[in-house]
């Protein structure tokens, strides 16, 4: 699995735009995505992130090759922000239940 993090600084008056863009943009997730989250920094409320877990690096690469601009970037742009991208290899995970 691969985890991507898009991070951007969003002005308070644009928070609703970002939440709406995320809600609309995640109605039909690409099959390459396992899960995705929109999160807001608790200490700096203008910092928002979209964390996405992808089935594999190949799935992420195929998705990125299939679109002009990835959906998460479009979501931040709808809120007037330009995010930065970080990509992580998921080494292990655990969950309850």
N, C-alpha and C. Protein backbone atom coordinates (compact mmCIF):
# COMPACT_ATOMS: atom_id res chain seq x y z
N UNK A 1 0.84 -1.18 0.00
CA UNK A 1 0.00 0.00 0.00
C UNK A 1 0.88 1.24 0.00
N UNK A 2 0.30 2.30 -0.54
CA UNK A 2 0.96 3.61 -0.60
C UNK A 2 0.01 4.62 0.04
N UNK A 3 0.57 5.56 0.78
CA UNK A 3 -0.21 6.65 1.35
C UNK A 3 0.28 7.96 0.75
N UNK A 4 -0.65 8.75 0.24
CA UNK A 4 -0.28 10.08 -0.23
C UNK A 4 -0.87 11.11 0.72
N UNK A 5 -0.14 12.21 0.86
CA UNK A 5 -0.60 13.32 1.68
C UNK A 5 -0.53 14.59 0.84
N UNK A 6 -1.68 15.19 0.64
CA UNK A 6 -1.73 16.53 0.05
C UNK A 6 -1.95 17.49 1.20
N UNK A 7 -1.14 18.52 1.27
CA UNK A 7 -1.26 19.48 2.37
C UNK A 7 -1.31 20.89 1.80
N UNK A 8 -2.24 21.67 2.30
CA UNK A 8 -2.36 23.05 1.86
C UNK A 8 -2.89 23.94 2.96
N UNK A 9 -2.58 25.21 2.83
CA UNK A 9 -3.08 26.22 3.76
C UNK A 9 -4.33 26.82 3.12
N UNK A 10 -5.46 26.70 3.83
CA UNK A 10 -6.75 27.15 3.31
C UNK A 10 -7.30 28.24 4.22
N UNK A 11 -7.63 29.38 3.63
CA UNK A 11 -8.20 30.50 4.38
C UNK A 11 -9.56 30.09 4.96
N UNK A 12 -9.88 30.56 6.16
CA UNK A 12 -11.15 30.17 6.80
C UNK A 12 -12.38 30.35 5.93
N UNK A 13 -12.41 31.41 5.13
CA UNK A 13 -13.58 31.63 4.28
C UNK A 13 -13.68 30.62 3.14
N UNK A 14 -12.65 29.79 2.96
CA UNK A 14 -12.64 28.76 1.91
C UNK A 14 -12.84 27.34 2.45
N UNK A 15 -12.99 27.21 3.75
CA UNK A 15 -13.13 25.88 4.34
C UNK A 15 -14.33 25.13 3.79
N UNK A 16 -15.46 25.82 3.68
CA UNK A 16 -16.65 25.16 3.15
C UNK A 16 -16.46 24.72 1.70
N UNK A 17 -15.73 25.52 0.94
CA UNK A 17 -15.46 25.15 -0.46
C UNK A 17 -14.63 23.87 -0.52
N UNK A 18 -13.64 23.75 0.36
CA UNK A 18 -12.81 22.54 0.38
C UNK A 18 -13.64 21.33 0.81
N UNK A 19 -14.43 21.49 1.86
CA UNK A 19 -15.26 20.38 2.33
C UNK A 19 -16.25 19.94 1.26
N UNK A 20 -16.82 20.89 0.56
CA UNK A 20 -17.76 20.56 -0.51
C UNK A 20 -17.05 19.86 -1.68
N UNK A 21 -15.89 20.38 -2.06
CA UNK A 21 -15.13 19.76 -3.15
C UNK A 21 -14.74 18.32 -2.79
N UNK A 22 -14.35 18.09 -1.54
CA UNK A 22 -13.99 16.74 -1.11
C UNK A 22 -15.22 15.83 -1.15
N UNK A 23 -16.33 16.32 -0.62
CA UNK A 23 -17.56 15.53 -0.60
C UNK A 23 -18.00 15.15 -2.02
N UNK A 24 -17.99 16.12 -2.91
CA UNK A 24 -18.40 15.86 -4.29
C UNK A 24 -17.39 14.98 -5.02
N UNK A 25 -16.10 15.22 -4.76
CA UNK A 25 -15.05 14.49 -5.47
C UNK A 25 -14.86 13.06 -5.00
N UNK A 26 -15.46 12.71 -3.88
CA UNK A 26 -15.30 11.35 -3.37
C UNK A 26 -16.58 10.53 -3.51
N UNK A 27 -17.54 11.03 -4.25
CA UNK A 27 -18.77 10.26 -4.48
C UNK A 27 -18.48 8.97 -5.25
N UNK A 28 -17.59 9.03 -6.22
CA UNK A 28 -17.17 7.88 -7.03
C UNK A 28 -15.64 7.81 -6.96
N UNK A 29 -15.11 7.06 -6.02
CA UNK A 29 -13.66 6.96 -5.90
C UNK A 29 -13.09 6.06 -6.99
N UNK A 30 -11.93 6.42 -7.51
CA UNK A 30 -11.26 5.52 -8.45
C UNK A 30 -10.98 4.18 -7.77
N UNK A 31 -11.00 3.11 -8.51
CA UNK A 31 -10.77 1.78 -7.93
C UNK A 31 -9.37 1.64 -7.32
N UNK A 32 -8.46 2.51 -7.70
CA UNK A 32 -7.10 2.47 -7.17
C UNK A 32 -7.03 2.90 -5.71
N UNK A 33 -8.06 3.59 -5.23
CA UNK A 33 -8.07 4.13 -3.86
C UNK A 33 -8.74 3.15 -2.92
N UNK A 34 -8.06 2.91 -1.80
CA UNK A 34 -8.62 2.07 -0.74
C UNK A 34 -9.44 2.92 0.23
N UNK A 35 -8.87 4.03 0.71
CA UNK A 35 -9.57 4.96 1.61
C UNK A 35 -8.97 6.34 1.43
N UNK A 36 -9.77 7.37 1.79
CA UNK A 36 -9.27 8.73 1.76
C UNK A 36 -9.92 9.53 2.86
N UNK A 37 -9.18 10.48 3.40
CA UNK A 37 -9.63 11.30 4.52
C UNK A 37 -9.31 12.77 4.27
N UNK A 38 -10.21 13.63 4.67
CA UNK A 38 -9.95 15.08 4.71
C UNK A 38 -9.77 15.42 6.18
N UNK A 39 -8.60 15.97 6.52
CA UNK A 39 -8.33 16.28 7.93
C UNK A 39 -7.85 17.73 8.06
N UNK A 40 -8.10 18.27 9.24
CA UNK A 40 -7.72 19.64 9.56
C UNK A 40 -6.78 19.61 10.76
N UNK A 41 -5.69 20.35 10.68
CA UNK A 41 -4.72 20.41 11.77
C UNK A 41 -5.37 21.04 13.00
N UNK A 42 -5.21 20.39 14.13
CA UNK A 42 -5.81 20.89 15.37
C UNK A 42 -5.09 22.12 15.91
N UNK A 43 -3.78 22.22 15.70
CA UNK A 43 -3.02 23.35 16.22
C UNK A 43 -3.00 24.55 15.29
N UNK A 44 -3.07 24.30 13.99
CA UNK A 44 -3.08 25.37 12.98
C UNK A 44 -4.24 25.09 12.04
N UNK A 45 -5.39 25.64 12.35
CA UNK A 45 -6.64 25.27 11.67
C UNK A 45 -6.67 25.64 10.19
N UNK A 46 -5.71 26.42 9.71
CA UNK A 46 -5.67 26.73 8.29
C UNK A 46 -4.94 25.65 7.48
N UNK A 47 -4.32 24.69 8.16
CA UNK A 47 -3.61 23.61 7.48
C UNK A 47 -4.55 22.42 7.36
N UNK A 48 -4.79 22.03 6.12
CA UNK A 48 -5.66 20.90 5.80
C UNK A 48 -4.86 19.87 5.03
N UNK A 49 -5.28 18.61 5.16
CA UNK A 49 -4.61 17.53 4.44
C UNK A 49 -5.65 16.56 3.87
N UNK A 50 -5.33 15.98 2.76
CA UNK A 50 -6.08 14.85 2.24
C UNK A 50 -5.12 13.68 2.27
N UNK A 51 -5.44 12.69 3.11
CA UNK A 51 -4.66 11.47 3.21
C UNK A 51 -5.38 10.39 2.41
N UNK A 52 -4.67 9.75 1.52
CA UNK A 52 -5.28 8.73 0.67
C UNK A 52 -4.42 7.48 0.70
N UNK A 53 -5.08 6.35 0.94
CA UNK A 53 -4.41 5.05 0.91
C UNK A 53 -4.75 4.40 -0.42
N UNK A 54 -3.70 4.06 -1.16
CA UNK A 54 -3.82 3.45 -2.49
C UNK A 54 -3.50 1.97 -2.38
N UNK A 55 -4.10 1.17 -3.22
CA UNK A 55 -3.86 -0.27 -3.20
C UNK A 55 -2.40 -0.62 -3.48
N UNK A 56 -1.73 0.16 -4.33
CA UNK A 56 -0.33 -0.12 -4.68
C UNK A 56 0.27 1.11 -5.36
N UNK A 57 1.58 1.11 -5.46
CA UNK A 57 2.27 2.19 -6.19
C UNK A 57 1.84 2.17 -7.66
N UNK A 58 1.68 0.97 -8.21
CA UNK A 58 1.27 0.85 -9.61
C UNK A 58 -0.13 1.43 -9.81
N UNK A 59 -1.02 1.21 -8.86
CA UNK A 59 -2.38 1.76 -8.95
C UNK A 59 -2.34 3.28 -8.90
N UNK A 60 -1.50 3.83 -8.03
CA UNK A 60 -1.34 5.29 -7.95
C UNK A 60 -0.78 5.82 -9.26
N UNK A 61 0.25 5.19 -9.78
CA UNK A 61 0.87 5.66 -11.02
C UNK A 61 -0.11 5.58 -12.19
N UNK A 62 -0.89 4.52 -12.26
CA UNK A 62 -1.88 4.38 -13.33
C UNK A 62 -2.94 5.47 -13.23
N UNK A 63 -3.39 5.76 -12.01
CA UNK A 63 -4.37 6.83 -11.83
C UNK A 63 -3.79 8.17 -12.27
N UNK A 64 -2.58 8.48 -11.81
CA UNK A 64 -1.97 9.77 -12.15
C UNK A 64 -1.76 9.92 -13.65
N UNK A 65 -1.49 8.81 -14.34
CA UNK A 65 -1.31 8.84 -15.79
C UNK A 65 -2.63 9.01 -16.53
N UNK A 66 -3.74 8.69 -15.85
CA UNK A 66 -5.04 8.71 -16.52
C UNK A 66 -5.77 10.05 -16.41
N UNK A 67 -5.23 10.98 -15.62
CA UNK A 67 -5.90 12.27 -15.43
C UNK A 67 -4.93 13.41 -15.71
N UNK A 68 -5.48 14.53 -16.14
CA UNK A 68 -4.63 15.71 -16.36
C UNK A 68 -4.18 16.29 -15.03
N UNK A 69 -5.12 16.46 -14.10
CA UNK A 69 -4.84 16.97 -12.76
C UNK A 69 -5.54 16.05 -11.76
N UNK A 70 -4.79 15.48 -10.81
CA UNK A 70 -5.42 14.59 -9.83
C UNK A 70 -6.53 15.28 -9.04
N UNK A 71 -7.52 14.49 -8.67
CA UNK A 71 -8.70 15.01 -7.99
C UNK A 71 -8.41 15.77 -6.71
N UNK A 72 -7.49 15.27 -5.91
CA UNK A 72 -7.17 15.96 -4.65
C UNK A 72 -6.61 17.35 -4.87
N UNK A 73 -5.79 17.50 -5.89
CA UNK A 73 -5.25 18.82 -6.21
C UNK A 73 -6.38 19.75 -6.64
N UNK A 74 -7.31 19.23 -7.44
CA UNK A 74 -8.46 20.03 -7.86
C UNK A 74 -9.29 20.48 -6.66
N UNK A 75 -9.40 19.61 -5.66
CA UNK A 75 -10.17 19.96 -4.46
C UNK A 75 -9.54 21.16 -3.75
N UNK A 76 -8.23 21.12 -3.57
CA UNK A 76 -7.54 22.25 -2.93
C UNK A 76 -7.64 23.50 -3.80
N UNK A 77 -7.49 23.35 -5.09
CA UNK A 77 -7.58 24.51 -5.98
C UNK A 77 -8.96 25.15 -5.92
N UNK A 78 -10.01 24.34 -5.71
CA UNK A 78 -11.37 24.88 -5.57
C UNK A 78 -11.49 25.76 -4.34
N UNK A 79 -10.58 25.56 -3.38
CA UNK A 79 -10.57 26.36 -2.16
C UNK A 79 -9.46 27.41 -2.19
N UNK A 80 -8.90 27.65 -3.37
CA UNK A 80 -7.88 28.70 -3.52
C UNK A 80 -6.52 28.34 -2.96
N UNK A 81 -6.21 27.04 -2.87
CA UNK A 81 -4.93 26.62 -2.29
C UNK A 81 -4.18 25.72 -3.27
N UNK A 82 -2.86 25.77 -3.20
CA UNK A 82 -2.01 24.88 -3.98
C UNK A 82 -1.32 23.93 -2.99
N UNK A 83 -1.70 22.66 -3.01
CA UNK A 83 -1.14 21.73 -2.02
C UNK A 83 0.23 21.21 -2.42
N UNK A 84 0.93 20.69 -1.41
CA UNK A 84 2.17 19.96 -1.64
C UNK A 84 1.87 18.47 -1.46
N UNK A 85 2.57 17.65 -2.21
CA UNK A 85 2.35 16.21 -2.21
C UNK A 85 3.52 15.49 -1.55
N UNK A 86 3.19 14.56 -0.65
CA UNK A 86 4.18 13.63 -0.09
C UNK A 86 3.65 12.22 -0.32
N UNK A 87 4.57 11.29 -0.60
CA UNK A 87 4.19 9.90 -0.87
C UNK A 87 4.97 9.02 0.10
N UNK A 88 4.24 8.08 0.74
CA UNK A 88 4.83 7.21 1.74
C UNK A 88 4.52 5.75 1.41
N UNK A 89 5.48 4.87 1.67
CA UNK A 89 5.24 3.44 1.61
C UNK A 89 4.63 3.01 2.94
N UNK A 90 3.53 2.28 2.91
CA UNK A 90 2.94 1.74 4.12
C UNK A 90 3.68 0.44 4.42
N UNK A 91 4.39 0.41 5.52
CA UNK A 91 5.19 -0.74 5.89
C UNK A 91 4.36 -1.77 6.65
N UNK A 92 3.48 -1.29 7.52
CA UNK A 92 2.64 -2.17 8.32
C UNK A 92 1.47 -1.37 8.82
N UNK A 93 0.42 -2.02 9.25
CA UNK A 93 -0.74 -1.32 9.80
C UNK A 93 -1.47 -2.24 10.76
N UNK A 94 -2.29 -1.64 11.60
CA UNK A 94 -3.13 -2.38 12.53
C UNK A 94 -4.44 -1.64 12.68
N UNK A 95 -5.48 -2.36 13.06
CA UNK A 95 -6.77 -1.73 13.31
C UNK A 95 -7.55 -2.59 14.28
N UNK A 96 -8.54 -2.00 14.90
CA UNK A 96 -9.39 -2.75 15.79
C UNK A 96 -10.51 -3.39 15.01
N UNK A 97 -11.11 -4.41 15.59
CA UNK A 97 -12.28 -5.02 14.98
C UNK A 97 -11.98 -5.73 13.74
